[in-house]
Protein backbone atom coordinates (compact mmCIF):
# COMPACT_ATOMS: atom_id res chain seq x y z
CA MET A 1 0.00 0.00 0.00
CA ALA A 2 1.25 3.45 -0.87
CA HIS A 3 -0.36 6.86 -0.99
CA ARG A 4 -0.65 8.60 -4.32
CA SER A 5 1.70 11.53 -4.78
CA THR A 6 0.56 13.17 -8.03
CA PHE A 7 1.65 16.62 -6.91
CA ALA A 8 4.49 15.50 -4.67
CA THR A 9 6.48 14.13 -7.60
CA ALA A 10 7.66 17.65 -8.33
CA LEU A 11 9.54 17.48 -5.05
CA LEU A 12 10.56 13.90 -4.78
CA TRP A 13 13.12 12.18 -6.81
CA ALA A 14 11.55 9.11 -8.53
CA GLY A 15 10.87 6.55 -5.96
CA PHE A 16 11.80 2.89 -5.86
CA LEU A 17 9.90 -0.25 -5.00
CA ALA A 18 11.20 -1.67 -1.74
CA ALA A 19 13.79 -4.39 -1.76
CA PRO A 20 13.32 -7.74 -0.05
CA LEU A 21 14.49 -7.79 3.54
CA LEU A 22 18.14 -8.65 3.85
CA SER A 23 19.39 -11.94 5.22
CA ARG A 24 16.09 -13.79 4.88
CA ALA A 25 15.64 -17.33 3.64
CA GLN A 26 15.04 -17.71 -0.06
CA GLY A 27 11.91 -19.50 -1.18
CA THR A 28 9.41 -20.09 -3.97
CA VAL A 29 6.05 -18.47 -4.52
CA VAL A 30 3.46 -20.02 -6.85
CA LEU A 31 0.57 -18.06 -8.37
CA THR A 32 -2.23 -19.76 -10.25
CA GLY A 33 -5.48 -18.21 -11.33
CA LYS A 34 -7.92 -17.13 -13.98
CA VAL A 35 -8.72 -13.93 -15.84
CA SER A 36 -12.30 -13.47 -16.99
CA GLY A 37 -12.90 -11.27 -20.01
CA ARG A 38 -9.25 -11.30 -20.99
CA THR A 39 -7.81 -8.15 -22.59
CA SER A 40 -4.16 -9.31 -22.66
CA ASP A 41 -2.38 -12.61 -23.23
CA THR A 42 -0.05 -12.52 -20.22
CA VAL A 43 0.02 -11.95 -16.46
CA ALA A 44 3.22 -10.87 -14.74
CA VAL A 45 4.70 -10.37 -11.30
CA SER A 46 7.27 -7.59 -10.99
CA VAL A 47 9.84 -7.44 -8.21
CA ARG A 48 12.70 -4.99 -7.76
CA GLU A 49 15.38 -7.08 -6.13
CA ASN A 50 17.76 -4.19 -5.53
CA PRO A 51 16.43 -0.77 -4.48
CA LEU A 52 19.19 1.01 -6.40
CA ASP A 53 18.50 -0.85 -9.64
CA VAL A 54 15.99 0.62 -12.07
CA LYS A 55 15.47 -2.81 -13.61
CA GLU A 56 12.75 -5.07 -12.31
CA GLN A 57 12.69 -8.83 -12.27
CA ILE A 58 9.55 -9.70 -14.22
CA THR A 59 8.08 -13.20 -14.30
CA TYR A 60 5.49 -13.75 -17.03
CA ALA A 61 2.78 -16.36 -17.44
CA ARG A 62 0.75 -16.84 -20.61
CA LEU A 63 -3.01 -17.29 -20.35
CA ASP A 64 -4.41 -20.47 -21.88
CA ASP A 65 -7.64 -20.69 -23.87
CA LYS A 66 -9.66 -20.60 -20.63
CA GLY A 67 -7.84 -17.53 -19.32
CA GLU A 68 -5.99 -19.58 -16.73
CA PHE A 69 -2.32 -19.16 -15.80
CA ARG A 70 0.43 -20.45 -13.54
CA LEU A 71 3.74 -18.86 -12.61
CA ALA A 72 6.43 -19.48 -10.02
CA LEU A 73 9.16 -17.15 -8.80
CA THR A 74 11.88 -17.14 -6.17
CA VAL A 75 11.84 -14.46 -3.46
CA ASN A 76 14.49 -13.59 -0.89
CA GLY A 77 12.18 -13.48 2.10
CA PRO A 78 9.03 -11.33 2.49
CA THR A 79 8.83 -9.13 -0.59
CA ARG A 80 6.75 -6.24 -1.94
CA ALA A 81 5.78 -6.90 -5.56
CA ASP A 82 3.33 -5.88 -8.26
CA LEU A 83 0.78 -8.00 -10.08
CA VAL A 84 0.66 -6.66 -13.64
CA TYR A 85 -1.96 -7.23 -16.31
CA GLY A 86 -1.81 -4.97 -19.35
CA ASP A 87 -1.64 -1.43 -17.98
CA ASP A 88 -3.27 -2.35 -14.68
CA VAL A 89 -1.32 -3.01 -11.48
CA ALA A 90 -2.21 -4.38 -8.04
CA ASP A 91 -0.04 -4.54 -4.90
CA LEU A 92 1.30 -7.90 -3.77
CA PHE A 93 3.07 -9.03 -0.62
CA LEU A 94 4.83 -12.33 -1.14
CA GLU A 95 6.50 -14.66 1.33
CA PRO A 96 8.37 -17.92 0.66
CA GLY A 97 5.91 -20.80 0.47
CA ASN A 98 2.94 -18.69 -0.66
CA GLN A 99 0.57 -20.56 -3.01
CA LEU A 100 -1.93 -18.00 -4.23
CA ASP A 101 -4.97 -18.51 -6.38
CA VAL A 102 -5.63 -15.17 -8.09
CA ARG A 103 -8.78 -14.28 -10.03
CA PHE A 104 -9.86 -10.99 -11.57
CA LYS A 105 -11.66 -9.33 -14.46
CA GLY A 106 -9.46 -8.39 -17.38
CA SER A 107 -11.05 -4.96 -17.60
CA ASP A 108 -10.51 -4.11 -13.92
CA LEU A 109 -7.68 -5.87 -12.09
CA ALA A 110 -7.36 -3.57 -9.09
CA SER A 111 -11.02 -3.56 -8.04
CA SER A 112 -11.99 -7.12 -8.97
CA VAL A 113 -8.96 -9.14 -7.81
CA ARG A 114 -9.69 -11.93 -5.33
CA TYR A 115 -7.23 -14.23 -3.56
CA LYS A 116 -7.37 -17.74 -2.10
CA GLY A 117 -4.73 -20.04 -0.69
CA ARG A 118 -1.62 -19.47 1.39
CA GLY A 119 -0.89 -15.73 1.49
CA ALA A 120 -4.43 -14.75 0.53
CA GLU A 121 -5.20 -12.97 3.80
CA ALA A 122 -2.35 -10.48 3.47
CA ASN A 123 -3.04 -9.69 -0.17
CA THR A 124 -6.78 -9.38 0.38
CA PHE A 125 -6.00 -6.92 3.17
CA LEU A 126 -3.74 -4.89 0.86
CA SER A 127 -6.42 -4.82 -1.83
CA GLU A 128 -9.08 -3.64 0.63
CA MET A 129 -6.75 -1.06 2.16
CA ASP A 130 -5.90 0.33 -1.27
CA GLU A 131 -9.57 0.60 -2.15
CA LYS A 132 -10.40 2.37 1.10
CA PHE A 133 -7.45 4.77 1.28
CA VAL A 134 -5.46 4.94 -1.97
CA GLU A 135 -8.41 5.05 -4.38
CA ASN A 136 -10.25 7.50 -2.13
CA ASP A 137 -9.25 11.10 -2.91
CA GLY A 138 -10.42 12.10 0.55
CA PHE A 139 -7.30 10.47 2.01
CA GLN A 140 -4.81 11.76 -0.57
CA VAL A 141 -2.53 14.80 -0.47
CA LEU A 142 -4.16 16.79 -3.27
CA PRO A 143 -4.56 20.56 -3.91
CA ASP A 144 -7.58 20.91 -1.63
CA ASN A 145 -5.60 19.97 1.46
CA ILE A 146 -2.23 21.26 0.24
CA MET A 147 -3.79 24.73 0.30
CA LEU A 148 -4.68 24.34 3.97
CA TYR A 149 -2.67 26.08 6.66
CA GLU A 150 -0.66 24.12 9.22
CA PRO A 151 -3.45 23.28 11.72
CA GLY A 152 -5.81 22.08 8.99
CA PHE A 153 -3.17 19.96 7.26
CA ILE A 154 -2.03 18.35 10.51
CA SER A 155 -5.65 17.61 11.35
CA PHE A 156 -6.06 15.89 7.97
CA LEU A 157 -2.91 13.78 8.44
CA ASP A 158 -3.87 12.83 12.00
CA TYR A 159 -7.34 11.77 10.88
CA ARG A 160 -6.00 9.69 7.99
CA ARG A 161 -3.45 7.95 10.20
CA LYS A 162 -6.08 7.22 12.85
CA GLU A 163 -8.40 5.66 10.26
CA GLU A 164 -5.58 3.59 8.77
CA GLN A 165 -4.48 2.33 12.17
CA LYS A 166 -8.07 1.42 13.04
CA PHE A 167 -8.38 -0.48 9.77
CA MET A 168 -5.11 -2.29 10.49
CA GLU A 169 -6.04 -3.25 14.04
CA ASN A 170 -9.39 -4.65 12.93
CA GLY A 171 -8.10 -6.72 10.04
CA MET A 172 -4.62 -8.09 10.75
CA GLU A 173 -5.27 -10.89 13.19
CA GLY A 174 -3.27 -13.96 12.20
CA MET A 175 -1.05 -12.10 9.71
CA SER A 176 2.69 -12.79 9.62
CA PRO A 177 5.02 -10.54 11.66
CA ALA A 178 6.75 -9.40 8.47
CA PHE A 179 3.48 -8.27 6.90
CA LYS A 180 2.41 -6.47 10.07
CA GLU A 181 5.71 -4.58 10.16
CA TYR A 182 5.34 -3.67 6.50
CA VAL A 183 1.84 -2.21 6.93
CA LYS A 184 2.81 -0.37 10.13
CA ALA A 185 5.74 1.19 8.30
CA GLU A 186 3.62 2.24 5.30
CA ILE A 187 1.19 4.04 7.61
CA ALA A 188 3.86 5.64 9.79
CA TYR A 189 6.04 6.86 6.93
CA SER A 190 3.29 8.08 4.64
CA TYR A 191 2.34 10.34 7.56
CA ALA A 192 5.94 11.37 8.23
CA ASN A 193 6.75 11.95 4.57
CA ASP A 194 3.64 14.04 3.86
CA ARG A 195 4.26 16.12 6.97
CA LEU A 196 7.94 16.60 6.14
CA THR A 197 7.34 17.74 2.54
CA PHE A 198 4.19 19.85 3.16
CA GLN A 199 5.95 23.21 3.43
CA ASP A 200 7.86 22.75 0.16
CA LEU A 201 4.89 21.26 -1.65
CA ARG A 202 2.58 24.05 -0.59
CA GLU A 203 5.03 26.65 -1.82
CA GLN A 204 4.91 25.06 -5.27
CA VAL A 205 1.14 24.60 -5.43
CA VAL A 206 0.00 27.88 -3.82
CA ALA A 207 1.83 30.38 -6.02
CA THR A 208 -0.24 33.33 -4.77
CA GLU A 209 1.23 33.18 -1.25
CA SER A 210 4.75 33.34 0.12
CA ARG A 211 6.36 30.29 1.71
CA LEU A 212 4.35 29.19 4.72
CA LYS A 213 6.07 29.80 8.05
CA MET A 214 5.69 26.74 10.27
CA SER A 215 5.25 26.77 14.03
CA PRO A 216 8.40 26.19 16.14
CA THR A 217 7.28 22.64 17.02
CA TYR A 218 6.11 21.53 13.56
CA TYR A 219 9.22 19.46 12.81
CA ASP A 220 9.66 18.09 16.34
CA PHE A 221 8.42 14.68 15.19
CA LEU A 222 11.80 14.25 13.45
CA ASN A 223 13.52 14.10 16.84
CA ASP A 224 12.26 10.54 17.30
CA LYS A 225 15.41 8.47 16.65
CA ALA A 226 13.33 5.31 16.16
CA LEU A 227 11.56 7.02 13.26
CA ILE A 228 14.84 7.64 11.46
CA ASN A 229 16.70 4.37 12.04
CA ASN A 230 14.10 1.61 11.87
CA PRO A 231 15.49 -1.73 10.58
CA ALA A 232 12.01 -3.28 10.64
CA ALA A 233 10.84 -0.77 8.01
CA VAL A 234 13.56 -1.34 5.40
CA GLN A 235 11.05 -2.97 3.06
CA SER A 236 8.74 0.02 3.02
CA GLU A 237 9.08 2.27 -0.01
CA GLN A 238 7.52 5.04 2.09
CA TYR A 239 10.37 4.68 4.60
CA GLN A 240 13.05 4.99 1.93
CA GLU A 241 11.30 8.00 0.37
CA PHE A 242 10.95 9.64 3.78
CA LEU A 243 14.63 9.19 4.59
CA LEU A 244 15.74 10.73 1.30
CA ASN A 245 13.52 13.74 1.95
CA TYR A 246 14.75 13.84 5.55
CA ILE A 247 18.35 14.10 4.35
CA HIS A 248 17.33 16.88 1.95
CA TYR A 249 15.61 18.63 4.87
CA LEU A 250 18.74 18.41 7.03
CA ALA A 251 20.82 19.90 4.23
CA THR A 252 18.44 22.81 3.58
CA SER A 253 18.07 23.41 7.32
CA SER A 254 21.83 23.82 7.50
CA GLY A 255 21.56 26.63 4.94
CA LYS A 256 22.21 24.66 1.75
CA GLN A 257 20.06 24.87 -1.38
CA ARG A 258 19.82 22.41 -4.27
CA THR A 259 21.56 24.95 -6.48
CA ASP A 260 24.59 25.12 -4.19
CA PRO A 261 27.68 23.43 -5.64
CA ASP A 262 28.16 21.16 -2.63
CA PHE A 263 24.49 20.31 -1.94
CA TYR A 264 24.79 16.60 -2.78
CA GLN A 265 28.12 16.29 -1.00
CA VAL A 266 26.46 17.69 2.14
CA CYS A 267 23.51 15.29 1.72
CA TYR A 268 25.89 12.36 1.29
CA ASP A 269 27.86 13.26 4.42
CA MET A 270 24.67 13.72 6.45
CA ALA A 271 23.27 10.37 5.35
CA LYS A 272 26.56 8.73 6.29
CA LYS A 273 26.48 10.35 9.72
CA GLN A 274 22.78 10.16 10.58
CA LEU A 275 21.75 6.72 9.30
CA ASP A 276 22.52 3.22 10.52
CA GLY A 277 21.85 -0.36 9.50
CA PRO A 278 20.84 -1.79 6.10
CA VAL A 279 19.05 1.38 4.98
CA LYS A 280 22.21 3.52 5.24
CA PRO A 281 23.90 2.39 1.99
CA ILE A 282 20.53 2.53 0.20
CA ILE A 283 19.91 6.20 1.00
CA MET A 284 23.55 7.14 0.44
CA GLY A 285 23.27 5.38 -2.91
CA ARG A 286 20.15 7.35 -3.78
CA VAL A 287 21.96 10.60 -2.98
CA LEU A 288 24.76 9.46 -5.27
CA LYS A 289 22.29 8.82 -8.09
CA GLU A 290 21.00 12.37 -7.65
CA SER A 291 24.55 13.67 -7.77
CA PHE A 292 25.23 11.75 -11.01
CA ARG A 293 22.38 13.66 -12.63
CA PHE A 294 22.53 17.07 -11.00
CA GLY A 295 25.89 17.37 -9.22
CA HIS A 296 29.49 18.00 -10.25
CA ILE A 297 31.25 15.04 -11.82
CA LYS A 298 34.39 15.36 -9.67
CA GLN A 299 32.32 15.43 -6.49
CA SER A 300 30.43 12.35 -7.69
CA VAL A 301 33.70 10.53 -8.35
CA ALA A 302 34.99 11.35 -4.85
CA MET A 303 31.76 10.22 -3.18
CA LEU A 304 31.54 7.06 -5.28
CA GLU A 305 35.05 6.08 -4.25
CA ASP A 306 34.20 6.71 -0.58
CA TYR A 307 31.04 4.62 -0.96
CA ARG A 308 33.13 1.46 -1.31
CA SER A 309 33.81 1.55 2.43
CA VAL A 310 30.10 1.80 3.19
CA ASP A 311 29.03 -0.99 0.84
CA ALA A 312 31.28 -3.62 2.39
CA LYS A 313 29.46 -6.50 0.65
CA ASN A 314 29.72 -4.80 -2.76
CA GLN A 315 25.95 -5.12 -3.04
CA TYR A 316 25.23 -1.71 -4.56
CA TYR A 317 28.55 -0.30 -5.83
CA PRO A 318 28.52 -2.11 -9.22
CA LEU A 319 25.06 -0.71 -9.98
CA LEU A 320 26.08 2.79 -8.93
CA ARG A 321 29.24 2.59 -11.01
CA GLN A 322 27.17 1.58 -14.02
CA ASP A 323 24.73 4.43 -13.39
CA PHE A 324 27.62 6.89 -13.08
CA ASP A 325 29.14 5.68 -16.35
CA THR A 326 25.76 6.16 -18.05
CA HIS A 327 25.44 9.79 -16.93
CA LYS A 328 29.02 11.01 -16.68
CA ALA A 329 29.21 12.34 -20.25
CA PHE A 330 26.63 15.02 -19.45
CA ALA A 331 27.31 15.58 -15.78
CA ILE A 332 28.17 19.03 -14.45
CA GLY A 333 31.92 19.45 -14.90
CA ALA A 334 32.20 16.96 -17.77
CA PRO A 335 33.88 18.41 -20.89
CA ALA A 336 31.43 19.36 -23.63
CA PRO A 337 32.28 17.67 -26.97
CA ASP A 338 34.25 19.96 -29.26
CA PHE A 339 33.22 20.50 -32.87
CA HIS A 340 34.25 22.37 -36.02
CA LEU A 341 31.43 23.77 -38.16
CA VAL A 342 31.13 26.43 -40.85
CA SER A 343 29.40 29.62 -39.79
CA ALA A 344 26.93 31.79 -41.71
CA LYS A 345 29.89 34.08 -42.47
CA GLY A 346 31.82 31.24 -44.08
CA ASP A 347 34.54 30.75 -41.49
CA THR A 348 35.14 27.64 -39.39
CA VAL A 349 34.01 27.81 -35.77
CA SER A 350 35.05 25.46 -32.98
CA LEU A 351 33.77 25.26 -29.43
CA LYS A 352 37.29 25.51 -28.03
CA GLN A 353 37.79 28.98 -29.47
CA PHE A 354 35.32 30.28 -26.87
CA ALA A 355 37.39 29.03 -23.93
CA GLY A 356 37.15 31.53 -21.11
CA LYS A 357 33.57 32.51 -22.02
CA LEU A 358 30.21 31.27 -20.83
CA VAL A 359 28.50 29.52 -23.77
CA TYR A 360 24.74 29.30 -24.25
CA LEU A 361 24.42 26.54 -26.83
CA ASN A 362 21.21 26.35 -28.86
CA PHE A 363 20.37 23.48 -31.25
CA TRP A 364 17.61 24.48 -33.67
CA ARG A 365 16.43 24.29 -37.27
CA THR A 366 14.61 26.67 -39.57
CA THR A 367 11.65 24.28 -40.02
CA SER A 368 10.89 24.06 -36.28
CA GLY A 369 8.06 26.38 -35.27
CA LEU A 370 9.05 26.17 -31.61
CA ALA A 371 12.66 27.07 -32.40
CA LEU A 372 11.58 29.98 -34.61
CA ARG A 373 9.32 31.27 -31.86
CA ASP A 374 12.34 31.57 -29.56
CA LEU A 375 14.37 33.70 -31.99
CA PRO A 376 13.05 37.09 -30.76
CA TYR A 377 13.88 36.08 -27.19
CA ALA A 378 17.37 35.12 -28.30
CA ALA A 379 17.81 38.64 -29.69
CA GLU A 380 16.64 40.16 -26.40
CA LEU A 381 19.00 38.00 -24.36
CA ALA A 382 21.95 38.83 -26.60
CA LYS A 383 21.19 42.55 -26.17
CA LYS A 384 20.93 42.21 -22.35
CA PHE A 385 24.35 40.53 -22.17
CA GLU A 386 26.10 42.59 -24.82
CA GLY A 387 29.68 43.17 -23.74
CA LYS A 388 29.52 40.43 -21.10
CA ASN A 389 31.70 37.33 -21.02
CA ILE A 390 29.18 35.11 -22.81
CA VAL A 391 28.59 33.88 -26.35
CA PHE A 392 25.27 32.64 -27.75
CA LEU A 393 26.23 29.80 -30.07
CA ASN A 394 23.49 28.51 -32.36
CA VAL A 395 23.82 25.18 -34.17
CA ALA A 396 21.30 24.66 -36.97
CA LEU A 397 20.50 21.04 -37.85
CA ASP A 398 19.42 22.04 -41.35
CA GLU A 399 19.77 20.27 -44.69
CA ASN A 400 18.92 23.42 -46.66
CA GLU A 401 21.98 25.62 -46.30
CA GLY A 402 20.53 28.40 -48.41
CA ALA A 403 17.31 28.76 -46.42
CA TRP A 404 19.28 28.74 -43.16
CA LYS A 405 21.80 31.36 -44.28
CA GLN A 406 19.07 33.60 -45.73
CA LEU A 407 17.13 33.55 -42.45
CA VAL A 408 20.21 34.30 -40.34
CA VAL A 409 21.32 37.18 -42.57
CA SER A 410 17.91 38.72 -43.38
CA LYS A 411 16.76 38.66 -39.75
CA LYS A 412 20.20 39.76 -38.52
CA LEU A 413 20.08 37.04 -35.89
CA PRO A 414 22.46 37.77 -33.00
CA GLY A 415 25.12 35.44 -31.72
CA VAL A 416 27.29 32.95 -33.59
CA HIS A 417 25.50 30.77 -36.15
CA VAL A 418 26.84 27.49 -37.51
CA ARG A 419 25.19 24.62 -39.39
CA THR A 420 25.50 20.88 -39.88
CA SER A 421 23.70 18.51 -42.21
CA GLY A 422 22.27 15.19 -41.10
CA GLY A 423 19.78 16.61 -38.63
CA LEU A 424 19.37 14.55 -35.47
CA ARG A 425 21.60 11.87 -37.00
CA SER A 426 24.52 14.25 -37.40
CA ALA A 427 27.70 13.69 -35.43
CA ILE A 428 27.22 16.76 -33.25
CA ALA A 429 23.56 15.94 -32.48
CA ARG A 430 24.59 12.43 -31.43
CA ALA A 431 27.52 13.77 -29.39
CA TYR A 432 25.14 16.00 -27.43
CA ALA A 433 22.33 13.38 -27.37
CA VAL A 434 19.95 15.88 -28.99
CA GLN A 435 16.59 14.20 -29.56
CA ASP A 436 14.53 17.23 -30.55
CA VAL A 437 14.86 20.95 -31.18
CA PRO A 438 15.17 23.41 -29.70
CA SER A 439 17.65 21.93 -27.21
CA TYR A 440 19.77 24.11 -24.96
CA PHE A 441 23.01 23.67 -23.01
CA LEU A 442 24.85 26.08 -20.75
CA LEU A 443 28.62 25.61 -20.77
CA ALA A 444 31.03 27.04 -18.20
CA GLU A 445 34.06 29.15 -19.03
CA ASP A 446 36.27 26.06 -18.86
CA GLY A 447 34.28 24.27 -21.57
CA THR A 448 32.46 21.91 -19.23
CA PHE A 449 28.73 21.32 -18.84
CA LEU A 450 27.14 23.67 -16.34
CA ASN A 451 23.51 22.90 -17.10
CA THR A 452 22.15 20.43 -19.66
CA LYS A 453 18.61 21.77 -19.29
CA PRO A 454 18.87 25.52 -18.74
CA LYS A 455 15.87 27.81 -18.83
CA ARG A 456 14.63 28.34 -22.36
CA LEU A 457 15.43 31.56 -24.17
CA SER A 458 11.78 32.57 -23.80
CA SER A 459 11.77 32.08 -20.03
CA ARG A 460 11.92 35.14 -17.80
CA ALA A 461 14.14 33.16 -15.46
CA ALA A 462 16.78 32.66 -18.17
CA VAL A 463 18.33 36.06 -17.47
CA ASP A 464 18.79 35.36 -13.75
CA GLU A 465 20.08 31.85 -14.47
CA ILE A 466 22.74 33.19 -16.82
CA LYS A 467 23.77 35.95 -14.39
CA GLU A 468 24.26 33.34 -11.66
CA SER A 469 26.33 31.11 -13.97
CA PHE A 470 29.32 33.39 -14.50
CA GLY A 471 32.34 31.91 -12.75
CA LYS A 472 30.34 29.03 -11.36
CA ALA A 473 32.80 26.40 -12.59
CA ASN A 474 35.39 27.82 -10.23
CA THR A 475 32.84 27.77 -7.41
CA TYR A 476 32.24 24.06 -7.98
CA SER A 477 35.96 23.36 -8.03
CA SER A 478 36.48 25.21 -4.74
CA THR A 479 34.08 22.85 -2.95
CA LEU A 480 35.96 19.71 -3.96
CA PRO A 481 37.94 17.79 -1.32
CA ALA A 482 41.65 18.54 -1.27
CA GLY A 483 43.57 16.64 -3.90
CA LYS A 484 40.54 15.92 -6.08
């Protein structure tokens, strides 16, 4: 069971399914069943074995002519999983030795699913709890209650938790200890997570008001050490999400912002200091994955090397290394690929010739309406930064050289204009992983990536973003550990 977070996703990094509890006996689970009114040919069970791995282990079973199926999978102890049919998904909780008979309507898995056999009680409970709380908007954090002030929001959370606990107490007799711990954790950490992120979420949703000032005791619930380090809750995805947001909260409370060069380094150090047990390397790993995408490459390298001492069993490091290798080419601080292209004036232009200048790189083409719409804004930006240490470098992915040159000259387009043939298949488009136009990149004075998704030329925030970017490469470098 998990609460919907339609609006919270703007704040939270993409969450993971929980991993099986560590050091538990491995065993087999068998699912048999029947789908009435079939709309797909297969049923599947999806399990994420490692919380730092984006890949899921998916076990498929094909339906026979009667709509019946059978599948077996191995689980490493009590495990959160998903039952998948077409685009529909239902929660599962599997334990070694479970033999579930599963039946549902092909047009409505979530609401029609019924269980029998060993493990049926727990999964029936999950289904009923989802229907009562997850599918009921009255229990979800949505705009109506996000717009509340502190007393009203706390009242809503307290009421929801009370109802969930009542439901749990009335329906969990005879359930396994592992399942009871899982449900308790889901309830406790959905409350804690929604309370922790309320202030930030409200600021995003209620744009007509300034950031809400919380009462002095609002965050006192975080002082409960058992809430932070809770080995029994490792399997709860809500617990992992809460801890990541808790680490972010500690960093911002210390005066750091996500835009600060050392934000992820501070988060990493705080997770290392504040957390214990099996969840520690998981959350530190999640901070690392954030750093790979949004942090400086040299900081990521230093943290990844340090992580080896935390992941003594080498359980997560190989996955993190692979993730780092996937993202390192476009990480902050990575060198932007050089190129040599002919400009509209007929001379050859290379990226390296702008060393020492901030570079706003714009990939566009004359046949793109969206790119053409941004041209007036490009002229305004160039005028605002005239005489400043920045160059606006425009790369046209155009086959028609004549049409491109005529537009650049007749419109007196500002900045440096170069062109390549081959469109999105050209060498430079592939080097910068350009999948559509317009695409923008902000490069630091040392020729490294500063932002692979800067504000668009048409955005009012683009001016402030560029102003804040001058000299930022040196700022990043100054926050690196000595010798890095």
